[in-house]
């Protein structure tokens, strides 16, 4: 079998019962919090001994108590094939910047990906590298890793204090009326048929700001550059959809910045074009301004204008 068809090593999931879970059965608790798996699936996992409560096998209808620990020893599984490749954009003793291809998850998650991730690809080269941010599975481009204890301590604070500048390229539907505009829709949990909730535009969300600049108007779509001043999940997808110009091919977010009506799409589903183009930040050791650039794919390049120096 090829690399993409080998089983991984399996994984142990653990979750503590919260006060809201008191008196619910183990199956009801898990089905409510992980709606992608039907109650019958959890009952079968309980029957086979994969699912334990405080390391003990229990009946499916046994009531839970707050503080108990649920353990699911998931057997090895074959992960979806993805592009297991990357390229180094910058490297020194503190930092490593790499190019992530579209389709490769940054971190484990979604119930499908454990070893087929950018994290595992990078750690085969540098076992101590830690990602300082993440990109959605369908987003390509620059991801920054910390290599030293100094960088792991300082860089997260640079992101929180907005000392960084993150610029993206995207193809959005339609033609915005203005060449430059800002989107400030708050982002927070909204309802989703399969996941229960996911992030979307909502008045009750956290403050979020994206600065959009139109680079080219094409047939039925526009090439835009987006600088994000906050780092909310799926921020660019949500904000451009909120502005009435969802990303071209986005199967999830529609006008208004919320999931499309009756969509069965998940955040990791592909189809849109979004690329992390440039990152600027003070170097954690020297304080000097560091600029790293990741060449966009051909569809997201300006005709005869893009060069490797941004």
C-alpha atoms as a PDB file:
ATOM      1  CA  UNK A   1       0.000   0.000   0.000  1.00  0.00           C
ATOM      2  CA  UNK A   2       1.112   3.561  -0.643  1.00  0.00           C
ATOM      3  CA  UNK A   3       1.706   6.147   2.065  1.00  0.00           C
ATOM      4  CA  UNK A   4      -1.791   7.578   1.670  1.00  0.00           C
ATOM      5  CA  UNK A   5      -3.487   4.177   2.191  1.00  0.00           C
ATOM      6  CA  UNK A   6      -1.682   2.977   5.340  1.00  0.00           C
ATOM      7  CA  UNK A   7      -3.562   3.021   8.615  1.00  0.00           C
ATOM      8  CA  UNK A   8      -2.463   5.436  11.308  1.00  0.00           C
ATOM      9  CA  UNK A   9      -1.774   4.443  14.924  1.00  0.00           C
ATOM     10  CA  UNK A  10      -5.241   5.194  16.243  1.00  0.00           C
ATOM     11  CA  UNK A  11      -5.963   7.771  18.905  1.00  0.00           C
ATOM     12  CA  UNK A  12      -7.287   8.104  22.456  1.00  0.00           C
ATOM     13  CA  UNK A  13      -9.946  10.802  22.870  1.00  0.00           C
ATOM     14  CA  UNK A  14     -10.764  11.995  26.400  1.00  0.00           C
ATOM     15  CA  UNK A  15     -13.498  14.335  27.607  1.00  0.00           C
ATOM     16  CA  UNK A  16     -14.668  15.286  31.084  1.00  0.00           C
ATOM     17  CA  UNK A  17     -18.382  15.378  31.854  1.00  0.00           C
ATOM     18  CA  UNK A  18     -19.563  18.955  32.454  1.00  0.00           C
ATOM     19  CA  UNK A  19     -22.404  19.900  34.839  1.00  0.00           C
ATOM     20  CA  UNK A  20     -24.860  20.056  31.926  1.00  0.00           C
ATOM     21  CA  UNK A  21     -24.175  16.372  31.271  1.00  0.00           C
ATOM     22  CA  UNK A  22     -25.288  15.211  34.726  1.00  0.00           C
ATOM     23  CA  UNK A  23     -27.907  12.454  34.657  1.00  0.00           C
ATOM     24  CA  UNK A  24     -27.653  12.053  30.875  1.00  0.00           C
ATOM     25  CA  UNK A  25     -26.665   8.616  29.646  1.00  0.00           C
ATOM     26  CA  UNK A  26     -23.212   8.221  28.148  1.00  0.00           C
ATOM     27  CA  UNK A  27     -24.694   7.680  24.671  1.00  0.00           C
ATOM     28  CA  UNK A  28     -27.055  10.667  24.945  1.00  0.00           C
ATOM     29  CA  UNK A  29     -24.231  12.904  26.167  1.00  0.00           C
ATOM     30  CA  UNK A  30     -21.935  11.994  23.259  1.00  0.00           C
ATOM     31  CA  UNK A  31     -24.676  12.090  20.622  1.00  0.00           C
ATOM     32  CA  UNK A  32     -25.659  15.607  21.719  1.00  0.00           C
ATOM     33  CA  UNK A  33     -22.099  16.936  21.634  1.00  0.00           C
ATOM     34  CA  UNK A  34     -20.934  15.087  18.527  1.00  0.00           C
ATOM     35  CA  UNK A  35     -24.023  15.001  16.271  1.00  0.00           C
ATOM     36  CA  UNK A  36     -22.071  13.700  13.269  1.00  0.00           C
ATOM     37  CA  UNK A  37     -22.156  10.238  14.900  1.00  0.00           C
ATOM     38  CA  UNK A  38     -25.587   8.697  15.495  1.00  0.00           C
ATOM     39  CA  UNK A  39     -26.482   7.241  18.920  1.00  0.00           C
ATOM     40  CA  UNK A  40     -26.326   3.747  17.413  1.00  0.00           C
ATOM     41  CA  UNK A  41     -22.667   4.355  16.517  1.00  0.00           C
ATOM     42  CA  UNK A  42     -21.811   5.292  20.104  1.00  0.00           C
ATOM     43  CA  UNK A  43     -23.709   2.259  21.431  1.00  0.00           C
ATOM     44  CA  UNK A  44     -21.678  -0.013  19.158  1.00  0.00           C
ATOM     45  CA  UNK A  45     -18.425   1.589  20.368  1.00  0.00           C
ATOM     46  CA  UNK A  46     -19.593   1.007  23.928  1.00  0.00           C
ATOM     47  CA  UNK A  47     -20.457  -2.618  23.165  1.00  0.00           C
ATOM     48  CA  UNK A  48     -17.016  -3.349  21.646  1.00  0.00           C
ATOM     49  CA  UNK A  49     -15.135  -1.850  24.590  1.00  0.00           C
ATOM     50  CA  UNK A  50     -13.752   1.163  22.701  1.00  0.00           C
ATOM     51  CA  UNK A  51     -15.745   3.518  24.946  1.00  0.00           C
ATOM     52  CA  UNK A  52     -15.087   3.685  28.695  1.00  0.00           C
ATOM     53  CA  UNK A  53     -16.277   5.803  31.621  1.00  0.00           C
ATOM     54  CA  UNK A  54     -13.588   6.354  34.275  1.00  0.00           C
ATOM     55  CA  UNK A  55     -11.760   3.464  32.588  1.00  0.00           C
ATOM     56  CA  UNK A  56     -14.706   1.118  33.222  1.00  0.00           C
ATOM     57  CA  UNK A  57     -17.256  -0.435  30.878  1.00  0.00           C
ATOM     58  CA  UNK A  58     -20.783   0.766  31.732  1.00  0.00           C
ATOM     59  CA  UNK A  59     -24.337   0.274  30.488  1.00  0.00           C
ATOM     60  CA  UNK A  60     -25.542   2.533  27.681  1.00  0.00           C
ATOM     61  CA  UNK A  61     -28.226   4.017  29.956  1.00  0.00           C
ATOM     62  CA  UNK A  62     -25.989   4.569  33.004  1.00  0.00           C
ATOM     63  CA  UNK A  63     -26.403   8.219  34.205  1.00  0.00           C
ATOM     64  CA  UNK A  64     -23.330  10.432  34.188  1.00  0.00           C
ATOM     65  CA  UNK A  65     -21.886  12.522  37.014  1.00  0.00           C
ATOM     66  CA  UNK A  66     -19.980  15.801  36.588  1.00  0.00           C
ATOM     67  CA  UNK A  67     -16.219  15.298  36.603  1.00  0.00           C
ATOM     68  CA  UNK A  68     -16.230  11.770  35.210  1.00  0.00           C
ATOM     69  CA  UNK A  69     -13.871  11.047  32.323  1.00  0.00           C
ATOM     70  CA  UNK A  70     -15.041   9.545  29.030  1.00  0.00           C
ATOM     71  CA  UNK A  71     -12.395   7.722  26.986  1.00  0.00           C
ATOM     72  CA  UNK A  72     -12.737   6.567  23.398  1.00  0.00           C
ATOM     73  CA  UNK A  73      -9.850   4.412  22.158  1.00  0.00           C
ATOM     74  CA  UNK A  74     -10.342   4.825  18.453  1.00  0.00           C
ATOM     75  CA  UNK A  75      -8.785   1.979  16.443  1.00  0.00           C
ATOM     76  CA  UNK A  76      -6.345   2.782  13.599  1.00  0.00           C
ATOM     77  CA  UNK A  77      -8.020   4.088  10.447  1.00  0.00           C
ATOM     78  CA  UNK A  78      -7.080   5.048   6.888  1.00  0.00           C
ATOM     79  CA  UNK A  79      -7.020   8.819   6.535  1.00  0.00           C
ATOM     80  CA  UNK A  80      -8.100  10.613   3.337  1.00  0.00           C
ATOM     81  CA  UNK A  81      -5.258  11.151   0.891  1.00  0.00           C
ATOM     82  CA  UNK A  82      -3.913  14.702   0.866  1.00  0.00           C
ATOM     83  CA  UNK A  83      -0.862  16.491  -0.609  1.00  0.00           C
ATOM     84  CA  UNK A  84       1.811  15.627   1.974  1.00  0.00           C
ATOM     85  CA  UNK A  85       4.307  18.262   0.880  1.00  0.00           C
ATOM     86  CA  UNK A  86       5.574  21.693   1.835  1.00  0.00           C
ATOM     87  CA  UNK A  87       8.346  24.174   1.020  1.00  0.00           C
ATOM     88  CA  UNK A  88      10.512  26.245   3.369  1.00  0.00           C
ATOM     89  CA  UNK A  89      10.024  30.009   2.947  1.00  0.00           C
ATOM     90  CA  UNK A  90      12.179  31.219   5.856  1.00  0.00           C
ATOM     91  CA  UNK A  91      14.253  29.539   8.536  1.00  0.00           C
ATOM     92  CA  UNK A  92      16.523  30.566  11.390  1.00  0.00           C
ATOM     93  CA  UNK A  93      17.147  29.365  14.947  1.00  0.00           C
ATOM     94  CA  UNK A  94      13.796  30.727  16.169  1.00  0.00           C
ATOM     95  CA  UNK A  95      11.324  30.562  13.290  1.00  0.00           C
ATOM     96  CA  UNK A  96      10.319  28.338  10.397  1.00  0.00           C
ATOM     97  CA  UNK A  97       7.889  29.555   7.734  1.00  0.00           C
ATOM     98  CA  UNK A  98       6.527  26.988   5.294  1.00  0.00           C
ATOM     99  CA  UNK A  99       4.096  26.873   2.375  1.00  0.00           C
ATOM    100  CA  UNK A 100       0.989  24.753   2.943  1.00  0.00           C
ATOM    101  CA  UNK A 101      -0.804  23.306  -0.094  1.00  0.00           C
ATOM    102  CA  UNK A 102      -4.580  23.504  -0.348  1.00  0.00           C
ATOM    103  CA  UNK A 103      -6.137  20.257   0.872  1.00  0.00           C
ATOM    104  CA  UNK A 104      -3.614  19.584   3.651  1.00  0.00           C
ATOM    105  CA  UNK A 105      -4.983  20.229   7.182  1.00  0.00           C
ATOM    106  CA  UNK A 106      -2.717  22.298   9.422  1.00  0.00           C
ATOM    107  CA  UNK A 107      -3.508  20.299  12.573  1.00  0.00           C
ATOM    108  CA  UNK A 108      -5.304  17.043  13.450  1.00  0.00           C
ATOM    109  CA  UNK A 109      -9.092  17.337  13.628  1.00  0.00           C
ATOM    110  CA  UNK A 110     -12.430  16.781  12.014  1.00  0.00           C
ATOM    111  CA  UNK A 111     -12.456  13.108  12.964  1.00  0.00           C
ATOM    112  CA  UNK A 112     -10.541  12.217   9.793  1.00  0.00           C
ATOM    113  CA  UNK A 113      -7.015  13.601  10.045  1.00  0.00           C
ATOM    114  CA  UNK A 114      -4.384  12.580  12.570  1.00  0.00           C
ATOM    115  CA  UNK A 115      -1.094  12.052  10.730  1.00  0.00           C
ATOM    116  CA  UNK A 116      -1.978  13.564   7.325  1.00  0.00           C
ATOM    117  CA  UNK A 117      -1.358  17.118   8.524  1.00  0.00           C
ATOM    118  CA  UNK A 118       1.118  19.937   7.964  1.00  0.00           C
ATOM    119  CA  UNK A 119       2.172  19.564  11.599  1.00  0.00           C
ATOM    120  CA  UNK A 120       3.337  15.990  11.016  1.00  0.00           C
ATOM    121  CA  UNK A 121       5.073  16.903   7.732  1.00  0.00           C
ATOM    122  CA  UNK A 122       7.008  19.709   9.446  1.00  0.00           C
ATOM    123  CA  UNK A 123       7.837  17.675  12.543  1.00  0.00           C
ATOM    124  CA  UNK A 124       9.440  14.958  10.454  1.00  0.00           C
ATOM    125  CA  UNK A 125      11.967  17.685   9.613  1.00  0.00           C
ATOM    126  CA  UNK A 126      11.959  19.558  12.928  1.00  0.00           C
ATOM    127  CA  UNK A 127      10.415  17.580  15.845  1.00  0.00           C
ATOM    128  CA  UNK A 128      10.232  20.640  18.146  1.00  0.00           C
ATOM    129  CA  UNK A 129       8.425  22.969  15.725  1.00  0.00           C
ATOM    130  CA  UNK A 130       5.138  24.434  17.016  1.00  0.00           C
ATOM    131  CA  UNK A 131       2.575  26.194  14.770  1.00  0.00           C
ATOM    132  CA  UNK A 132       1.877  29.792  15.778  1.00  0.00           C
ATOM    133  CA  UNK A 133      -1.398  29.991  13.822  1.00  0.00           C
ATOM    134  CA  UNK A 134      -3.376  27.808  11.444  1.00  0.00           C
ATOM    135  CA  UNK A 135      -4.957  27.889   8.014  1.00  0.00           C
ATOM    136  CA  UNK A 136      -8.170  26.168   6.977  1.00  0.00           C
ATOM    137  CA  UNK A 137      -7.714  22.936   5.078  1.00  0.00           C
ATOM    138  CA  UNK A 138      -8.680  24.522   1.743  1.00  0.00           C
ATOM    139  CA  UNK A 139      -6.462  27.579   2.273  1.00  0.00           C
ATOM    140  CA  UNK A 140      -2.950  27.518   0.829  1.00  0.00           C
ATOM    141  CA  UNK A 141       0.046  29.601   1.767  1.00  0.00           C
ATOM    142  CA  UNK A 142       2.257  30.704   4.598  1.00  0.00           C
ATOM    143  CA  UNK A 143       2.229  29.093   8.051  1.00  0.00           C
ATOM    144  CA  UNK A 144       4.674  30.169  10.764  1.00  0.00           C
ATOM    145  CA  UNK A 145       6.224  27.723  13.237  1.00  0.00           C
ATOM    146  CA  UNK A 146       8.288  28.465  16.345  1.00  0.00           C
ATOM    147  CA  UNK A 147      11.547  26.518  16.713  1.00  0.00           C
ATOM    148  CA  UNK A 148      12.866  27.908  20.011  1.00  0.00           C
ATOM    149  CA  UNK A 149      11.494  28.429  23.509  1.00  0.00           C
ATOM    150  CA  UNK A 150      11.963  32.175  22.977  1.00  0.00           C
ATOM    151  CA  UNK A 151       9.765  32.193  19.889  1.00  0.00           C
ATOM    152  CA  UNK A 152       7.126  29.962  21.497  1.00  0.00           C
ATOM    153  CA  UNK A 153       6.907  32.454  24.365  1.00  0.00           C
ATOM    154  CA  UNK A 154       6.914  35.729  22.404  1.00  0.00           C
ATOM    155  CA  UNK A 155       5.191  35.138  19.055  1.00  0.00           C
ATOM    156  CA  UNK A 156       1.684  34.331  20.421  1.00  0.00           C
ATOM    157  CA  UNK A 157       1.689  37.708  22.153  1.00  0.00           C
ATOM    158  CA  UNK A 158       2.632  39.420  18.887  1.00  0.00           C
ATOM    159  CA  UNK A 159      -0.423  37.888  17.222  1.00  0.00           C
ATOM    160  CA  UNK A 160      -2.705  38.872  20.118  1.00  0.00           C
ATOM    161  CA  UNK A 161      -1.425  42.459  20.232  1.00  0.00           C
ATOM    162  CA  UNK A 162      -1.878  42.966  16.472  1.00  0.00           C
ATOM    163  CA  UNK A 163       1.863  43.526  15.997  1.00  0.00           C
ATOM    164  CA  UNK A 164       1.650  41.263  12.960  1.00  0.00           C
ATOM    165  CA  UNK A 165       0.319  41.933   9.468  1.00  0.00           C
ATOM    166  CA  UNK A 166      -1.367  39.043   7.640  1.00  0.00           C
ATOM    167  CA  UNK A 167      -2.325  39.495   3.994  1.00  0.00           C
ATOM    168  CA  UNK A 168      -4.308  37.013   1.876  1.00  0.00           C
ATOM    169  CA  UNK A 169      -5.383  36.629  -1.749  1.00  0.00           C
ATOM    170  CA  UNK A 170      -8.796  35.300  -2.735  1.00  0.00           C
ATOM    171  CA  UNK A 171     -11.272  35.017  -5.581  1.00  0.00           C
ATOM    172  CA  UNK A 172     -14.710  36.269  -4.577  1.00  0.00           C
ATOM    173  CA  UNK A 173     -17.967  36.175  -6.508  1.00  0.00           C
ATOM    174  CA  UNK A 174     -19.216  39.277  -8.275  1.00  0.00           C
ATOM    175  CA  UNK A 175     -17.713  42.753  -8.428  1.00  0.00           C
ATOM    176  CA  UNK A 176     -17.588  44.888  -5.246  1.00  0.00           C
ATOM    177  CA  UNK A 177     -18.812  48.454  -5.751  1.00  0.00           C
ATOM    178  CA  UNK A 178     -15.715  49.952  -4.122  1.00  0.00           C
ATOM    179  CA  UNK A 179     -12.028  49.323  -4.809  1.00  0.00           C
ATOM    180  CA  UNK A 180     -11.252  49.255  -1.080  1.00  0.00           C
ATOM    181  CA  UNK A 181     -13.522  48.679   1.916  1.00  0.00           C
ATOM    182  CA  UNK A 182     -13.531  47.239   5.418  1.00  0.00           C
ATOM    183  CA  UNK A 183     -15.768  44.542   6.896  1.00  0.00           C
ATOM    184  CA  UNK A 184     -16.349  44.627  10.650  1.00  0.00           C
ATOM    185  CA  UNK A 185     -19.050  42.027  11.217  1.00  0.00           C
ATOM    186  CA  UNK A 186     -18.643  40.295  14.614  1.00  0.00           C
ATOM    187  CA  UNK A 187     -17.868  36.571  14.382  1.00  0.00           C
ATOM    188  CA  UNK A 188     -19.122  33.912  16.785  1.00  0.00           C
ATOM    189  CA  UNK A 189     -21.067  30.639  17.039  1.00  0.00           C
ATOM    190  CA  UNK A 190     -24.007  30.138  14.679  1.00  0.00           C
ATOM    191  CA  UNK A 191     -26.138  27.050  14.134  1.00  0.00           C
ATOM    192  CA  UNK A 192     -25.105  24.261  11.759  1.00  0.00           C
ATOM    193  CA  UNK A 193     -27.129  21.171  10.889  1.00  0.00           C
ATOM    194  CA  UNK A 194     -24.282  18.659  11.292  1.00  0.00           C
ATOM    195  CA  UNK A 195     -21.935  20.245  13.829  1.00  0.00           C
ATOM    196  CA  UNK A 196     -24.465  21.958  16.066  1.00  0.00           C
ATOM    197  CA  UNK A 197     -22.551  25.247  15.818  1.00  0.00           C
ATOM    198  CA  UNK A 198     -19.676  26.748  13.886  1.00  0.00           C
ATOM    199  CA  UNK A 199     -18.307  30.266  13.440  1.00  0.00           C
ATOM    200  CA  UNK A 200     -20.225  32.774  11.345  1.00  0.00           C
ATOM    201  CA  UNK A 201     -21.337  36.383  11.301  1.00  0.00           C
ATOM    202  CA  UNK A 202     -23.506  37.177  14.309  1.00  0.00           C
ATOM    203  CA  UNK A 203     -24.245  40.360  16.301  1.00  0.00           C
ATOM    204  CA  UNK A 204     -23.263  38.448  19.449  1.00  0.00           C
ATOM    205  CA  UNK A 205     -19.797  37.501  18.174  1.00  0.00           C
ATOM    206  CA  UNK A 206     -16.352  38.917  18.842  1.00  0.00           C
ATOM    207  CA  UNK A 207     -15.169  42.120  17.117  1.00  0.00           C
ATOM    208  CA  UNK A 208     -13.526  41.313  13.781  1.00  0.00           C
ATOM    209  CA  UNK A 209     -11.999  43.498  11.084  1.00  0.00           C
ATOM    210  CA  UNK A 210     -10.899  42.737   7.519  1.00  0.00           C
ATOM    211  CA  UNK A 211      -9.542  45.292   5.040  1.00  0.00           C
ATOM    212  CA  UNK A 212     -10.357  44.364   1.438  1.00  0.00           C
ATOM    213  CA  UNK A 213      -8.717  45.717  -1.715  1.00  0.00           C
ATOM    214  CA  UNK A 214      -9.894  44.785  -5.219  1.00  0.00           C
ATOM    215  CA  UNK A 215      -6.961  43.941  -7.504  1.00  0.00           C
ATOM    216  CA  UNK A 216      -8.766  42.762 -10.633  1.00  0.00           C
ATOM    217  CA  UNK A 217     -12.352  42.442 -11.787  1.00  0.00           C
ATOM    218  CA  UNK A 218     -12.748  39.298 -13.861  1.00  0.00           C
ATOM    219  CA  UNK A 219     -15.708  37.641 -15.553  1.00  0.00           C
ATOM    220  CA  UNK A 220     -18.156  36.888 -12.741  1.00  0.00           C
ATOM    221  CA  UNK A 221     -15.557  37.216  -9.981  1.00  0.00           C
ATOM    222  CA  UNK A 222     -12.917  39.497  -8.490  1.00  0.00           C
ATOM    223  CA  UNK A 223      -9.334  39.000  -7.328  1.00  0.00           C
ATOM    224  CA  UNK A 224      -9.011  40.624  -3.908  1.00  0.00           C
ATOM    225  CA  UNK A 225      -6.337  41.122  -1.301  1.00  0.00           C
ATOM    226  CA  UNK A 226      -7.427  40.981   2.332  1.00  0.00           C
ATOM    227  CA  UNK A 227      -5.534  42.168   5.398  1.00  0.00           C
ATOM    228  CA  UNK A 228      -7.018  40.786   8.601  1.00  0.00           C
ATOM    229  CA  UNK A 229      -6.626  42.813  11.792  1.00  0.00           C
ATOM    230  CA  UNK A 230      -8.158  40.018  13.879  1.00  0.00           C
ATOM    231  CA  UNK A 231      -7.747  36.272  13.565  1.00  0.00           C
ATOM    232  CA  UNK A 232     -11.189  34.705  13.950  1.00  0.00           C
ATOM    233  CA  UNK A 233     -11.851  31.227  12.499  1.00  0.00           C
ATOM    234  CA  UNK A 234     -12.792  31.387   8.782  1.00  0.00           C
ATOM    235  CA  UNK A 235     -12.704  35.190   9.036  1.00  0.00           C
ATOM    236  CA  UNK A 236     -12.096  35.981   5.354  1.00  0.00           C
ATOM    237  CA  UNK A 237     -14.670  33.469   4.125  1.00  0.00           C
ATOM    238  CA  UNK A 238     -17.235  34.861   6.560  1.00  0.00           C
ATOM    239  CA  UNK A 239     -16.486  38.546   5.977  1.00  0.00           C
ATOM    240  CA  UNK A 240     -16.515  38.419   2.182  1.00  0.00           C
ATOM    241  CA  UNK A 241     -19.767  36.442   2.307  1.00  0.00           C
ATOM    242  CA  UNK A 242     -21.186  39.003   4.746  1.00  0.00           C
ATOM    243  CA  UNK A 243     -20.261  41.752   2.270  1.00  0.00           C
ATOM    244  CA  UNK A 244     -22.258  39.940  -0.419  1.00  0.00           C
ATOM    245  CA  UNK A 245     -19.277  38.432  -2.238  1.00  0.00           C
ATOM    246  CA  UNK A 246     -18.658  34.878  -0.948  1.00  0.00           C
ATOM    247  CA  UNK A 247     -15.476  33.164  -2.055  1.00  0.00           C
ATOM    248  CA  UNK A 248     -15.891  31.625  -5.480  1.00  0.00           C
ATOM    249  CA  UNK A 249     -16.677  27.928  -4.991  1.00  0.00           C
ATOM    250  CA  UNK A 250     -17.155  28.118  -1.212  1.00  0.00           C
ATOM    251  CA  UNK A 251     -19.585  25.280  -0.382  1.00  0.00           C
ATOM    252  CA  UNK A 252     -20.309  26.519   3.137  1.00  0.00           C
ATOM    253  CA  UNK A 253     -20.689  30.283   3.618  1.00  0.00           C
ATOM    254  CA  UNK A 254     -23.258  32.327   1.706  1.00  0.00           C
ATOM    255  CA  UNK A 255     -24.440  35.963   1.648  1.00  0.00           C
ATOM    256  CA  UNK A 256     -24.747  37.273   5.170  1.00  0.00           C
ATOM    257  CA  UNK A 257     -21.690  35.351   6.379  1.00  0.00           C
ATOM    258  CA  UNK A 258     -23.585  32.302   7.662  1.00  0.00           C
ATOM    259  CA  UNK A 259     -23.916  28.732   6.353  1.00  0.00           C
ATOM    260  CA  UNK A 260     -25.890  28.374   3.146  1.00  0.00           C
ATOM    261  CA  UNK A 261     -29.486  27.205   3.727  1.00  0.00           C
ATOM    262  CA  UNK A 262     -29.712  23.423   4.069  1.00  0.00           C
ATOM    263  CA  UNK A 263     -25.998  22.994   3.296  1.00  0.00           C
ATOM    264  CA  UNK A 264     -24.342  19.750   4.369  1.00  0.00           C
ATOM    265  CA  UNK A 265     -20.870  21.218   3.810  1.00  0.00           C
ATOM    266  CA  UNK A 266     -18.291  21.274   6.603  1.00  0.00           C
ATOM    267  CA  UNK A 267     -15.563  23.885   7.247  1.00  0.00           C
ATOM    268  CA  UNK A 268     -12.885  21.566   5.844  1.00  0.00           C
ATOM    269  CA  UNK A 269     -14.640  20.974   2.536  1.00  0.00           C
ATOM    270  CA  UNK A 270     -12.723  22.270  -0.476  1.00  0.00           C
ATOM    271  CA  UNK A 271     -13.708  24.319  -3.517  1.00  0.00           C
ATOM    272  CA  UNK A 272     -12.724  27.918  -2.720  1.00  0.00           C
ATOM    273  CA  UNK A 273      -9.494  29.775  -3.554  1.00  0.00           C
ATOM    274  CA  UNK A 274      -7.820  31.499  -0.602  1.00  0.00           C
ATOM    275  CA  UNK A 275      -4.075  31.962  -0.082  1.00  0.00           C
ATOM    276  CA  UNK A 276      -1.983  33.312   2.829  1.00  0.00           C
ATOM    277  CA  UNK A 277       0.293  35.610   0.854  1.00  0.00           C
ATOM    278  CA  UNK A 278       2.388  37.631   3.278  1.00  0.00           C
ATOM    279  CA  UNK A 279       3.211  37.800   6.983  1.00  0.00           C
ATOM    280  CA  UNK A 280       5.042  40.606   8.742  1.00  0.00           C
ATOM    281  CA  UNK A 281       6.056  40.658  12.401  1.00  0.00           C
ATOM    282  CA  UNK A 282       8.850  41.823  14.710  1.00  0.00           C
ATOM    283  CA  UNK A 283      11.450  39.089  14.982  1.00  0.00           C
ATOM    284  CA  UNK A 284      11.158  37.618  18.506  1.00  0.00           C
ATOM    285  CA  UNK A 285      14.930  37.779  19.082  1.00  0.00           C
ATOM    286  CA  UNK A 286      16.069  40.948  17.290  1.00  0.00           C
ATOM    287  CA  UNK A 287      12.875  43.020  17.097  1.00  0.00           C
ATOM    288  CA  UNK A 288      13.600  43.781  13.445  1.00  0.00           C
ATOM    289  CA  UNK A 289      10.624  43.684  11.084  1.00  0.00           C
ATOM    290  CA  UNK A 290      10.478  40.308   9.327  1.00  0.00           C
ATOM    291  CA  UNK A 291       8.577  39.986   6.035  1.00  0.00           C
ATOM    292  CA  UNK A 292       7.843  36.545   4.562  1.00  0.00           C
ATOM    293  CA  UNK A 293       6.134  36.029   1.200  1.00  0.00           C
ATOM    294  CA  UNK A 294       4.492  32.924  -0.312  1.00  0.00           C
ATOM    295  CA  UNK A 295       3.937  33.011  -4.075  1.00  0.00           C
ATOM    296  CA  UNK A 296       0.207  32.585  -4.837  1.00  0.00           C
ATOM    297  CA  UNK A 297      -1.073  29.886  -7.201  1.00  0.00           C
ATOM    298  CA  UNK A 298      -1.519  31.019 -10.828  1.00  0.00           C
ATOM    299  CA  UNK A 299      -5.260  31.698 -10.506  1.00  0.00           C
ATOM    300  CA  UNK A 300      -4.617  34.168  -7.675  1.00  0.00           C
ATOM    301  CA  UNK A 301      -1.849  36.128  -9.401  1.00  0.00           C
ATOM    302  CA  UNK A 302      -2.182  39.576 -10.922  1.00  0.00           C
ATOM    303  CA  UNK A 303      -1.451  39.507 -14.621  1.00  0.00           C
ATOM    304  CA  UNK A 304       2.213  40.468 -15.192  1.00  0.00           C
ATOM    305  CA  UNK A 305       2.493  42.136 -11.772  1.00  0.00           C
ATOM    306  CA  UNK A 306       3.296  39.530  -9.125  1.00  0.00           C
ATOM    307  CA  UNK A 307       6.883  38.822  -8.215  1.00  0.00           C
ATOM    308  CA  UNK A 308       8.536  36.812  -5.412  1.00  0.00           C
ATOM    309  CA  UNK A 309       9.108  39.976  -3.346  1.00  0.00           C
ATOM    310  CA  UNK A 310       5.429  40.900  -3.004  1.00  0.00           C
END
